[in-house]
PDB file of all heavy atoms in Angstrom:
ATOM      1  N   ALA A   1      -7.072  29.076  14.520  1.00  0.00           N
ATOM      2  CA  ALA A   1      -6.413  29.598  13.250  1.00  0.00           C
ATOM      3  C   ALA A   1      -4.898  29.471  13.377  1.00  0.00           C
ATOM      4  O   ALA A   1      -4.248  29.152  12.431  1.00  0.00           O
ATOM      5  CB  ALA A   1      -6.809  31.042  12.985  1.00  0.00           C
ATOM      6  N   VAL A   2      -4.369  29.735  14.527  1.00  0.00           N
ATOM      7  CA  VAL A   2      -2.922  29.683  14.768  1.00  0.00           C
ATOM      8  C   VAL A   2      -2.434  28.228  14.498  1.00  0.00           C
ATOM      9  O   VAL A   2      -1.433  28.022  13.772  1.00  0.00           O
ATOM     10  CB  VAL A   2      -2.503  30.108  16.196  1.00  0.00           C
ATOM     11  CG1 VAL A   2      -1.069  29.688  16.543  1.00  0.00           C
ATOM     12  CG2 VAL A   2      -2.692  31.622  16.357  1.00  0.00           C
ATOM     13  N   GLY A   3      -3.084  27.261  15.061  1.00  0.00           N
ATOM     14  CA  GLY A   3      -2.767  25.839  14.828  1.00  0.00           C
ATOM     15  C   GLY A   3      -2.815  25.436  13.360  1.00  0.00           C
ATOM     16  O   GLY A   3      -1.967  24.810  12.837  1.00  0.00           O
ATOM     17  N   LYS A   4      -3.934  25.850  12.714  1.00  0.00           N
ATOM     18  CA  LYS A   4      -4.062  25.519  11.275  1.00  0.00           C
ATOM     19  C   LYS A   4      -3.012  26.157  10.388  1.00  0.00           C
ATOM     20  O   LYS A   4      -2.490  25.598   9.537  1.00  0.00           O
ATOM     21  CB  LYS A   4      -5.463  25.936  10.798  1.00  0.00           C
ATOM     22  CG  LYS A   4      -6.565  25.013  11.348  1.00  0.00           C
ATOM     23  CD  LYS A   4      -7.912  25.431  10.795  1.00  0.00           C
ATOM     24  CE  LYS A   4      -8.979  24.487  11.314  1.00  0.00           C
ATOM     25  NZ  LYS A   4     -10.305  24.847  10.871  1.00  0.00           N
ATOM     26  N   GLN A   5      -2.740  27.437  10.681  1.00  0.00           N
ATOM     27  CA  GLN A   5      -1.761  28.076   9.861  1.00  0.00           C
ATOM     28  C   GLN A   5      -0.332  27.570  10.118  1.00  0.00           C
ATOM     29  O   GLN A   5       0.392  27.410   9.145  1.00  0.00           O
ATOM     30  CB  GLN A   5      -1.737  29.603  10.207  1.00  0.00           C
ATOM     31  CG  GLN A   5      -0.826  30.385   9.201  1.00  0.00           C
ATOM     32  CD  GLN A   5      -0.992  31.860   9.352  1.00  0.00           C
ATOM     33  OE1 GLN A   5      -1.809  32.357  10.133  1.00  0.00           O
ATOM     34  NE2 GLN A   5      -0.277  32.630   8.589  1.00  0.00           N
ATOM     35  N   ALA A   6      -0.097  27.210  11.319  1.00  0.00           N
ATOM     36  CA  ALA A   6       1.270  26.580  11.609  1.00  0.00           C
ATOM     37  C   ALA A   6       1.435  25.277  10.837  1.00  0.00           C
ATOM     38  O   ALA A   6       2.514  24.986  10.223  1.00  0.00           O
ATOM     39  CB  ALA A   6       1.456  26.431  13.145  1.00  0.00           C
ATOM     40  N   ASN A   7       0.396  24.481  10.843  1.00  0.00           N
ATOM     41  CA  ASN A   7       0.466  23.200  10.082  1.00  0.00           C
ATOM     42  C   ASN A   7       0.636  23.437   8.628  1.00  0.00           C
ATOM     43  O   ASN A   7       1.350  22.685   7.925  1.00  0.00           O
ATOM     44  CB  ASN A   7      -0.726  22.318  10.385  1.00  0.00           C
ATOM     45  CG  ASN A   7      -0.660  21.677  11.733  1.00  0.00           C
ATOM     46  OD1 ASN A   7       0.450  21.441  12.241  1.00  0.00           O
ATOM     47  ND2 ASN A   7      -1.793  21.389  12.315  1.00  0.00           N
ATOM     48  N   GLN A   8      -0.085  24.445   8.083  1.00  0.00           N
ATOM     49  CA  GLN A   8       0.086  24.727   6.628  1.00  0.00           C
ATOM     50  C   GLN A   8       1.498  25.239   6.373  1.00  0.00           C
ATOM     51  O   GLN A   8       2.106  24.837   5.316  1.00  0.00           O
ATOM     52  CB  GLN A   8      -0.875  25.840   6.266  1.00  0.00           C
ATOM     53  CG  GLN A   8      -0.880  26.117   4.770  1.00  0.00           C
ATOM     54  CD  GLN A   8      -1.305  24.884   3.943  1.00  0.00           C
ATOM     55  OE1 GLN A   8      -2.339  24.299   4.228  1.00  0.00           O
ATOM     56  NE2 GLN A   8      -0.531  24.613   2.948  1.00  0.00           N
ATOM     57  N   LEU A   9       2.066  26.014   7.241  1.00  0.00           N
ATOM     58  CA  LEU A   9       3.524  26.430   7.000  1.00  0.00           C
ATOM     59  C   LEU A   9       4.420  25.279   7.007  1.00  0.00           C
ATOM     60  O   LEU A   9       5.365  25.194   6.201  1.00  0.00           O
ATOM     61  CB  LEU A   9       3.908  27.440   8.098  1.00  0.00           C
ATOM     62  CG  LEU A   9       3.300  28.829   8.037  1.00  0.00           C
ATOM     63  CD1 LEU A   9       3.638  29.629   9.267  1.00  0.00           C
ATOM     64  CD2 LEU A   9       3.824  29.576   6.826  1.00  0.00           C
ATOM     65  N   ILE A  10       4.255  24.339   7.933  1.00  0.00           N
ATOM     66  CA  ILE A  10       5.087  23.126   7.994  1.00  0.00           C
ATOM     67  C   ILE A  10       4.938  22.294   6.691  1.00  0.00           C
ATOM     68  O   ILE A  10       5.911  21.867   6.074  1.00  0.00           O
ATOM     69  CB  ILE A  10       4.757  22.287   9.166  1.00  0.00           C
ATOM     70  CG1 ILE A  10       5.270  22.984  10.444  1.00  0.00           C
ATOM     71  CG2 ILE A  10       5.427  20.884   9.146  1.00  0.00           C
ATOM     72  CD1 ILE A  10       4.779  22.394  11.733  1.00  0.00           C
ATOM     73  N   GLU A  11       3.723  22.143   6.166  1.00  0.00           N
ATOM     74  CA  GLU A  11       3.471  21.402   4.922  1.00  0.00           C
ATOM     75  C   GLU A  11       4.080  22.095   3.761  1.00  0.00           C
ATOM     76  O   GLU A  11       4.803  21.406   2.945  1.00  0.00           O
ATOM     77  CB  GLU A  11       2.043  21.260   4.658  1.00  0.00           C
ATOM     78  CG  GLU A  11       1.300  20.209   5.567  1.00  0.00           C
ATOM     79  CD  GLU A  11      -0.166  20.160   5.338  1.00  0.00           C
ATOM     80  OE1 GLU A  11      -0.643  20.618   4.305  1.00  0.00           O
ATOM     81  OE2 GLU A  11      -0.856  19.571   6.197  1.00  0.00           O
ATOM     82  N   ASP A  12       4.006  23.410   3.646  1.00  0.00           N
ATOM     83  CA  ASP A  12       4.671  24.141   2.563  1.00  0.00           C
ATOM     84  C   ASP A  12       6.202  24.043   2.641  1.00  0.00           C
ATOM     85  O   ASP A  12       6.886  23.817   1.631  1.00  0.00           O
ATOM     86  CB  ASP A  12       4.286  25.626   2.676  1.00  0.00           C
ATOM     87  CG  ASP A  12       2.802  25.799   2.265  1.00  0.00           C
ATOM     88  OD1 ASP A  12       2.196  24.865   1.775  1.00  0.00           O
ATOM     89  OD2 ASP A  12       2.303  26.905   2.541  1.00  0.00           O
ATOM     90  N   TRP A  13       6.687  24.085   3.827  1.00  0.00           N
ATOM     91  CA  TRP A  13       8.187  24.011   3.981  1.00  0.00           C
ATOM     92  C   TRP A  13       8.710  22.622   3.629  1.00  0.00           C
ATOM     93  O   TRP A  13       9.707  22.445   3.060  1.00  0.00           O
ATOM     94  CB  TRP A  13       8.531  24.304   5.474  1.00  0.00           C
ATOM     95  CG  TRP A  13       9.987  24.298   5.728  1.00  0.00           C
ATOM     96  CD1 TRP A  13      10.713  23.238   6.258  1.00  0.00           C
ATOM     97  CD2 TRP A  13      11.031  25.248   5.394  1.00  0.00           C
ATOM     98  NE1 TRP A  13      12.025  23.509   6.350  1.00  0.00           N
ATOM     99  CE2 TRP A  13      12.224  24.744   5.802  1.00  0.00           C
ATOM    100  CE3 TRP A  13      10.949  26.482   4.775  1.00  0.00           C
ATOM    101  CZ2 TRP A  13      13.379  25.441   5.647  1.00  0.00           C
ATOM    102  CZ3 TRP A  13      12.111  27.194   4.627  1.00  0.00           C
ATOM    103  CH2 TRP A  13      13.282  26.708   5.078  1.00  0.00           C
ATOM    104  N   GLN A  14       7.901  21.614   3.987  1.00  0.00           N
ATOM    105  CA  GLN A  14       8.313  20.231   3.688  1.00  0.00           C
ATOM    106  C   GLN A  14       8.319  19.964   2.145  1.00  0.00           C
ATOM    107  O   GLN A  14       9.115  19.115   1.724  1.00  0.00           O
ATOM    108  CB  GLN A  14       7.336  19.199   4.351  1.00  0.00           C
ATOM    109  CG  GLN A  14       7.609  19.135   5.872  1.00  0.00           C
ATOM    110  CD  GLN A  14       6.618  18.210   6.588  1.00  0.00           C
ATOM    111  OE1 GLN A  14       5.546  18.012   6.084  1.00  0.00           O
ATOM    112  NE2 GLN A  14       6.986  17.698   7.712  1.00  0.00           N
ATOM    113  N   LYS A  15       7.556  20.623   1.391  1.00  0.00           N
ATOM    114  CA  LYS A  15       7.570  20.409  -0.059  1.00  0.00           C
ATOM    115  C   LYS A  15       8.845  20.926  -0.615  1.00  0.00           C
ATOM    116  O   LYS A  15       9.300  20.410  -1.648  1.00  0.00           O
ATOM    117  CB  LYS A  15       6.392  21.195  -0.659  1.00  0.00           C
ATOM    118  CG  LYS A  15       5.074  20.529  -0.407  1.00  0.00           C
ATOM    119  CD  LYS A  15       3.893  21.377  -0.944  1.00  0.00           C
ATOM    120  CE  LYS A  15       2.587  20.861  -0.553  1.00  0.00           C
ATOM    121  NZ  LYS A  15       1.435  21.674  -1.035  1.00  0.00           N
ATOM    122  N   LYS A  16       9.472  21.890   0.007  1.00  0.00           N
ATOM    123  CA  LYS A  16      10.721  22.478  -0.538  1.00  0.00           C
ATOM    124  C   LYS A  16      11.943  21.778   0.040  1.00  0.00           C
ATOM    125  O   LYS A  16      12.949  21.676  -0.618  1.00  0.00           O
ATOM    126  CB  LYS A  16      10.826  23.977  -0.165  1.00  0.00           C
ATOM    127  CG  LYS A  16       9.705  24.820  -0.799  1.00  0.00           C
ATOM    128  CD  LYS A  16       9.811  26.260  -0.407  1.00  0.00           C
ATOM    129  CE  LYS A  16       8.663  27.044  -0.975  1.00  0.00           C
ATOM    130  NZ  LYS A  16       8.624  28.406  -0.510  1.00  0.00           N
ATOM    131  N   LYS A  17      11.857  21.377   1.279  1.00  0.00           N
ATOM    132  CA  LYS A  17      12.973  20.779   1.951  1.00  0.00           C
ATOM    133  C   LYS A  17      12.449  19.754   3.028  1.00  0.00           C
ATOM    134  O   LYS A  17      11.562  20.088   3.757  1.00  0.00           O
ATOM    135  CB  LYS A  17      13.767  21.931   2.683  1.00  0.00           C
ATOM    136  CG  LYS A  17      15.013  21.445   3.429  1.00  0.00           C
ATOM    137  CD  LYS A  17      15.654  22.640   4.037  1.00  0.00           C
ATOM    138  CE  LYS A  17      16.853  22.183   4.943  1.00  0.00           C
ATOM    139  NZ  LYS A  17      17.453  23.339   5.615  1.00  0.00           N
ATOM    140  N   GLU A  18      13.073  18.621   3.013  1.00  0.00           N
ATOM    141  CA  GLU A  18      12.652  17.641   3.996  1.00  0.00           C
ATOM    142  C   GLU A  18      13.091  17.991   5.379  1.00  0.00           C
ATOM    143  O   GLU A  18      14.283  18.265   5.663  1.00  0.00           O
ATOM    144  CB  GLU A  18      13.234  16.272   3.626  1.00  0.00           C
ATOM    145  CG  GLU A  18      12.731  15.194   4.517  1.00  0.00           C
ATOM    146  CD  GLU A  18      13.239  13.792   4.122  1.00  0.00           C
ATOM    147  OE1 GLU A  18      13.547  13.607   2.930  1.00  0.00           O
ATOM    148  OE2 GLU A  18      13.306  12.895   4.993  1.00  0.00           O
ATOM    149  N   ILE A  19      12.136  18.064   6.263  1.00  0.00           N
ATOM    150  CA  ILE A  19      12.435  18.296   7.665  1.00  0.00           C
ATOM    151  C   ILE A  19      11.718  17.289   8.557  1.00  0.00           C
ATOM    152  O   ILE A  19      10.692  16.691   8.148  1.00  0.00           O
ATOM    153  CB  ILE A  19      12.024  19.718   8.173  1.00  0.00           C
ATOM    154  CG1 ILE A  19      10.515  19.931   7.973  1.00  0.00           C
ATOM    155  CG2 ILE A  19      12.803  20.763   7.444  1.00  0.00           C
ATOM    156  CD1 ILE A  19      10.029  21.191   8.569  1.00  0.00           C
ATOM    157  N   LYS A  20      12.229  16.973   9.700  1.00  0.00           N
ATOM    158  CA  LYS A  20      11.582  16.004  10.581  1.00  0.00           C
ATOM    159  C   LYS A  20      10.847  16.761  11.659  1.00  0.00           C
ATOM    160  O   LYS A  20      11.398  16.958  12.733  1.00  0.00           O
ATOM    161  CB  LYS A  20      12.651  15.080  11.136  1.00  0.00           C
ATOM    162  CG  LYS A  20      13.285  14.306  10.046  1.00  0.00           C
ATOM    163  CD  LYS A  20      14.233  13.219  10.687  1.00  0.00           C
ATOM    164  CE  LYS A  20      15.053  12.699   9.612  1.00  0.00           C
ATOM    165  NZ  LYS A  20      14.855  11.454   9.036  1.00  0.00           N
ATOM    166  N   GLN A  21       9.652  17.173  11.351  1.00  0.00           N
ATOM    167  CA  GLN A  21       8.883  18.008  12.237  1.00  0.00           C
ATOM    168  C   GLN A  21       7.452  17.408  12.235  1.00  0.00           C
ATOM    169  O   GLN A  21       6.832  17.219  11.181  1.00  0.00           O
ATOM    170  CB  GLN A  21       8.855  19.443  11.738  1.00  0.00           C
ATOM    171  CG  GLN A  21       7.920  20.367  12.562  1.00  0.00           C
ATOM    172  CD  GLN A  21       8.373  20.555  13.999  1.00  0.00           C
ATOM    173  OE1 GLN A  21       9.553  20.694  14.264  1.00  0.00           O
ATOM    174  NE2 GLN A  21       7.511  20.560  14.911  1.00  0.00           N
ATOM    175  N   GLU A  22       6.941  17.155  13.443  1.00  0.00           N
ATOM    176  CA  GLU A  22       5.540  16.675  13.539  1.00  0.00           C
ATOM    177  C   GLU A  22       4.627  17.877  13.399  1.00  0.00           C
ATOM    178  O   GLU A  22       4.994  18.973  13.683  1.00  0.00           O
ATOM    179  CB  GLU A  22       5.394  16.025  14.930  1.00  0.00           C
ATOM    180  CG  GLU A  22       6.097  14.727  15.102  1.00  0.00           C
ATOM    181  CD  GLU A  22       5.749  14.093  16.393  1.00  0.00           C
ATOM    182  OE1 GLU A  22       4.643  14.302  16.908  1.00  0.00           O
ATOM    183  OE2 GLU A  22       6.622  13.389  16.923  1.00  0.00           O
ATOM    184  N   LYS A  23       3.428  17.592  12.953  1.00  0.00           N
ATOM    185  CA  LYS A  23       2.387  18.605  12.844  1.00  0.00           C
ATOM    186  C   LYS A  23       2.086  19.164  14.322  1.00  0.00           C
ATOM    187  O   LYS A  23       2.129  18.401  15.238  1.00  0.00           O
ATOM    188  CB  LYS A  23       1.105  18.068  12.292  1.00  0.00           C
ATOM    189  CG  LYS A  23       1.175  18.009  10.763  1.00  0.00           C
ATOM    190  CD  LYS A  23      -0.264  17.653  10.362  1.00  0.00           C
ATOM    191  CE  LYS A  23      -0.396  17.978   8.873  1.00  0.00           C
ATOM    192  NZ  LYS A  23      -1.782  17.938   8.409  1.00  0.00           N
ATOM    193  N   LEU A  24       1.754  20.444  14.377  1.00  0.00           N
ATOM    194  CA  LEU A  24       1.390  20.983  15.669  1.00  0.00           C
ATOM    195  C   LEU A  24      -0.090  20.576  15.861  1.00  0.00           C
ATOM    196  O   LEU A  24      -0.856  20.374  14.962  1.00  0.00           O
ATOM    197  CB  LEU A  24       1.527  22.473  15.549  1.00  0.00           C
ATOM    198  CG  LEU A  24       2.833  23.019  15.327  1.00  0.00           C
ATOM    199  CD1 LEU A  24       2.855  24.532  15.120  1.00  0.00           C
ATOM    200  CD2 LEU A  24       3.802  22.648  16.448  1.00  0.00           C
ATOM    201  N   LYS A  25      -0.473  20.616  17.079  1.00  0.00           N
ATOM    202  CA  LYS A  25      -1.827  20.213  17.509  1.00  0.00           C
ATOM    203  C   LYS A  25      -2.783  21.387  17.184  1.00  0.00           C
ATOM    204  O   LYS A  25      -2.647  22.494  17.664  1.00  0.00           O
ATOM    205  CB  LYS A  25      -1.917  19.884  18.970  1.00  0.00           C
ATOM    206  CG  LYS A  25      -1.166  18.677  19.348  1.00  0.00           C
ATOM    207  CD  LYS A  25      -1.289  18.443  20.815  1.00  0.00           C
ATOM    208  CE  LYS A  25      -0.434  17.241  21.215  1.00  0.00           C
ATOM    209  NZ  LYS A  25      -0.435  16.961  22.658  1.00  0.00           N
ATOM    210  N   GLU A  26      -3.819  21.081  16.334  1.00  0.00           N
ATOM    211  CA  GLU A  26      -4.834  22.126  16.079  1.00  0.00           C
ATOM    212  C   GLU A  26      -5.807  22.213  17.210  1.00  0.00           C
ATOM    213  O   GLU A  26      -6.655  23.022  17.216  1.00  0.00           O
ATOM    214  CB  GLU A  26      -5.536  21.766  14.768  1.00  0.00           C
ATOM    215  CG  GLU A  26      -4.706  22.023  13.566  1.00  0.00           C
ATOM    216  CD  GLU A  26      -5.376  21.739  12.289  1.00  0.00           C
ATOM    217  OE1 GLU A  26      -6.628  21.562  12.238  1.00  0.00           O
ATOM    218  OE2 GLU A  26      -4.629  21.589  11.281  1.00  0.00           O
ATOM    219  N   LEU A  27      -5.639  21.326  18.194  1.00  0.00           N
ATOM    220  CA  LEU A  27      -6.519  21.361  19.377  1.00  0.00           C
ATOM    221  C   LEU A  27      -6.194  22.645  20.269  1.00  0.00           C
ATOM    222  O   LEU A  27      -6.755  22.878  21.329  1.00  0.00           O
ATOM    223  CB  LEU A  27      -6.356  20.117  20.233  1.00  0.00           C
ATOM    224  CG  LEU A  27      -7.006  18.906  19.709  1.00  0.00           C
ATOM    225  CD1 LEU A  27      -6.643  17.730  20.622  1.00  0.00           C
ATOM    226  CD2 LEU A  27      -8.522  19.103  19.602  1.00  0.00           C
ATOM    227  N   MET A  28      -5.264  23.428  19.819  1.00  0.00           N
ATOM    228  CA  MET A  28      -4.927  24.663  20.503  1.00  0.00           C
ATOM    229  C   MET A  28      -6.141  25.530  20.677  1.00  0.00           C
ATOM    230  O   MET A  28      -6.289  26.246  21.698  1.00  0.00           O
ATOM    231  CB  MET A  28      -3.882  25.396  19.647  1.00  0.00           C
ATOM    232  CG  MET A  28      -3.020  26.356  20.330  1.00  0.00           C
ATOM    233  SD  MET A  28      -1.871  26.893  19.018  1.00  0.00           S
ATOM    234  CE  MET A  28      -0.493  27.136  20.066  1.00  0.00           C
ATOM    235  N   GLY A  29      -7.053  25.460  19.772  1.00  0.00           N
ATOM    236  CA  GLY A  29      -8.288  26.283  19.855  1.00  0.00           C
ATOM    237  C   GLY A  29      -9.496  25.404  19.810  1.00  0.00           C
ATOM    238  O   GLY A  29      -9.448  24.205  19.833  1.00  0.00           O
ATOM    239  N   HIS A  30     -10.667  26.012  19.686  1.00  0.00           N
ATOM    240  CA  HIS A  30     -11.919  25.318  19.688  1.00  0.00           C
ATOM    241  C   HIS A  30     -12.784  25.661  18.503  1.00  0.00           C
ATOM    242  O   HIS A  30     -12.652  26.743  17.957  1.00  0.00           O
ATOM    243  CB  HIS A  30     -12.713  25.757  20.967  1.00  0.00           C
ATOM    244  CG  HIS A  30     -12.090  25.281  22.210  1.00  0.00           C
ATOM    245  ND1 HIS A  30     -12.097  24.035  22.671  1.00  0.00           N
ATOM    246  CD2 HIS A  30     -11.422  25.995  23.165  1.00  0.00           C
ATOM    247  CE1 HIS A  30     -11.498  23.923  23.854  1.00  0.00           C
ATOM    248  NE2 HIS A  30     -11.044  25.127  24.151  1.00  0.00           N
ATOM    249  N   THR A  31     -13.646  24.700  18.129  1.00  0.00           N
ATOM    250  CA  THR A  31     -14.653  24.935  17.130  1.00  0.00           C
ATOM    251  C   THR A  31     -15.767  25.691  17.780  1.00  0.00           C
ATOM    252  O   THR A  31     -15.914  25.716  19.035  1.00  0.00           O
ATOM    253  CB  THR A  31     -15.133  23.600  16.536  1.00  0.00           C
ATOM    254  OG1 THR A  31     -15.833  22.895  17.590  1.00  0.00           O
ATOM    255  CG2 THR A  31     -14.066  22.784  15.958  1.00  0.00           C
ATOM    256  N   PRO A  32     -16.579  26.415  16.974  1.00  0.00           N
ATOM    257  CA  PRO A  32     -17.705  27.117  17.625  1.00  0.00           C
ATOM    258  C   PRO A  32     -18.615  26.173  18.366  1.00  0.00           C
ATOM    259  O   PRO A  32     -19.177  26.562  19.377  1.00  0.00           O
ATOM    260  CB  PRO A  32     -18.434  27.717  16.373  1.00  0.00           C
ATOM    261  CG  PRO A  32     -17.314  27.929  15.414  1.00  0.00           C
ATOM    262  CD  PRO A  32     -16.406  26.741  15.561  1.00  0.00           C
ATOM    263  N   LYS A  33     -18.792  24.936  17.921  1.00  0.00           N
ATOM    264  CA  LYS A  33     -19.615  23.963  18.675  1.00  0.00           C
ATOM    265  C   LYS A  33     -19.059  23.659  20.057  1.00  0.00           C
ATOM    266  O   LYS A  33     -19.727  23.573  21.024  1.00  0.00           O
ATOM    267  CB  LYS A  33     -19.735  22.645  17.799  1.00  0.00           C
ATOM    268  CG  LYS A  33     -20.507  21.536  18.458  1.00  0.00           C
ATOM    269  CD  LYS A  33     -20.510  20.345  17.542  1.00  0.00           C
ATOM    270  CE  LYS A  33     -21.240  19.127  18.173  1.00  0.00           C
ATOM    271  NZ  LYS A  33     -21.179  17.932  17.285  1.00  0.00           N
ATOM    272  N   GLN A  34     -17.712  23.492  20.111  1.00  0.00           N
ATOM    273  CA  GLN A  34     -17.073  23.228  21.439  1.00  0.00           C
ATOM    274  C   GLN A  34     -17.210  24.424  22.365  1.00  0.00           C
ATOM    275  O   GLN A  34     -17.439  24.293  23.534  1.00  0.00           O
ATOM    276  CB  GLN A  34     -15.557  22.931  21.213  1.00  0.00           C
ATOM    277  CG  GLN A  34     -15.351  21.641  20.477  1.00  0.00           C
ATOM    278  CD  GLN A  34     -13.909  21.465  20.031  1.00  0.00           C
ATOM    279  OE1 GLN A  34     -13.127  22.459  19.961  1.00  0.00           O
ATOM    280  NE2 GLN A  34     -13.543  20.198  19.675  1.00  0.00           N
ATOM    281  N   VAL A  35     -17.156  25.627  21.813  1.00  0.00           N
ATOM    282  CA  VAL A  35     -17.291  26.834  22.620  1.00  0.00           C
ATOM    283  C   VAL A  35     -18.752  26.950  23.113  1.00  0.00           C
ATOM    284  O   VAL A  35     -19.006  27.210  24.254  1.00  0.00           O
ATOM    285  CB  VAL A  35     -16.924  28.102  21.805  1.00  0.00           C
ATOM    286  CG1 VAL A  35     -17.308  29.368  22.569  1.00  0.00           C
ATOM    287  CG2 VAL A  35     -15.438  28.130  21.526  1.00  0.00           C
ATOM    288  N   PHE A  36     -19.711  26.678  22.246  1.00  0.00           N
ATOM    289  CA  PHE A  36     -21.143  26.657  22.616  1.00  0.00           C
ATOM    290  C   PHE A  36     -21.391  25.737  23.729  1.00  0.00           C
ATOM    291  O   PHE A  36     -22.060  26.076  24.743  1.00  0.00           O
ATOM    292  CB  PHE A  36     -22.036  26.408  21.404  1.00  0.00           C
ATOM    293  CG  PHE A  36     -23.453  26.238  21.798  1.00  0.00           C
ATOM    294  CD1 PHE A  36     -24.208  27.375  21.988  1.00  0.00           C
ATOM    295  CD2 PHE A  36     -24.076  25.052  21.895  1.00  0.00           C
ATOM    296  CE1 PHE A  36     -25.596  27.320  22.351  1.00  0.00           C
ATOM    297  CE2 PHE A  36     -25.402  24.913  22.295  1.00  0.00           C
ATOM    298  CZ  PHE A  36     -26.172  26.079  22.488  1.00  0.00           C
ATOM    299  N   PHE A  37     -21.009  24.476  23.637  1.00  0.00           N
ATOM    300  CA  PHE A  37     -21.280  23.508  24.655  1.00  0.00           C
ATOM    301  C   PHE A  37     -20.527  23.794  25.937  1.00  0.00           C
ATOM    302  O   PHE A  37     -20.976  23.531  27.027  1.00  0.00           O
ATOM    303  CB  PHE A  37     -21.034  22.035  24.111  1.00  0.00           C
ATOM    304  CG  PHE A  37     -22.192  21.578  23.274  1.00  0.00           C
ATOM    305  CD1 PHE A  37     -22.050  21.515  21.912  1.00  0.00           C
ATOM    306  CD2 PHE A  37     -23.444  21.354  23.834  1.00  0.00           C
ATOM    307  CE1 PHE A  37     -23.084  21.035  21.092  1.00  0.00           C
ATOM    308  CE2 PHE A  37     -24.499  20.942  23.064  1.00  0.00           C
ATOM    309  CZ  PHE A  37     -24.378  20.785  21.689  1.00  0.00           C
ATOM    310  N   GLY A  38     -19.320  24.309  25.832  1.00  0.00           N
ATOM    311  CA  GLY A  38     -18.585  24.782  27.018  1.00  0.00           C
ATOM    312  C   GLY A  38     -19.342  25.876  27.761  1.00  0.00           C
ATOM    313  O   GLY A  38     -19.488  25.887  28.986  1.00  0.00           O
ATOM    314  N   ALA A  39     -19.839  26.842  26.993  1.00  0.00           N
ATOM    315  CA  ALA A  39     -20.603  27.946  27.572  1.00  0.00           C
ATOM    316  C   ALA A  39     -21.944  27.440  28.245  1.00  0.00           C
ATOM    317  O   ALA A  39     -22.230  27.837  29.348  1.00  0.00           O
ATOM    318  CB  ALA A  39     -20.916  29.001  26.523  1.00  0.00           C
ATOM    319  N   LEU A  40     -22.600  26.544  27.567  1.00  0.00           N
ATOM    320  CA  LEU A  40     -23.790  25.955  28.077  1.00  0.00           C
ATOM    321  C   LEU A  40     -23.485  25.200  29.388  1.00  0.00           C
ATOM    322  O   LEU A  40     -24.267  25.369  30.372  1.00  0.00           O
ATOM    323  CB  LEU A  40     -24.438  25.005  27.058  1.00  0.00           C
ATOM    324  CG  LEU A  40     -25.803  24.400  27.425  1.00  0.00           C
ATOM    325  CD1 LEU A  40     -26.814  25.493  27.590  1.00  0.00           C
ATOM    326  CD2 LEU A  40     -26.214  23.443  26.313  1.00  0.00           C
TER     327      LEU A  40
END
């Protein structure tokens, strides 16, 4: 959720003012499927 929210903030900011910022990696966290298979 942190990665997704950070990317949304960057997109919203870019609409108001042009900045040269790459998107943050949403790979910061895992999907439930990735957690399940990691646990298995």
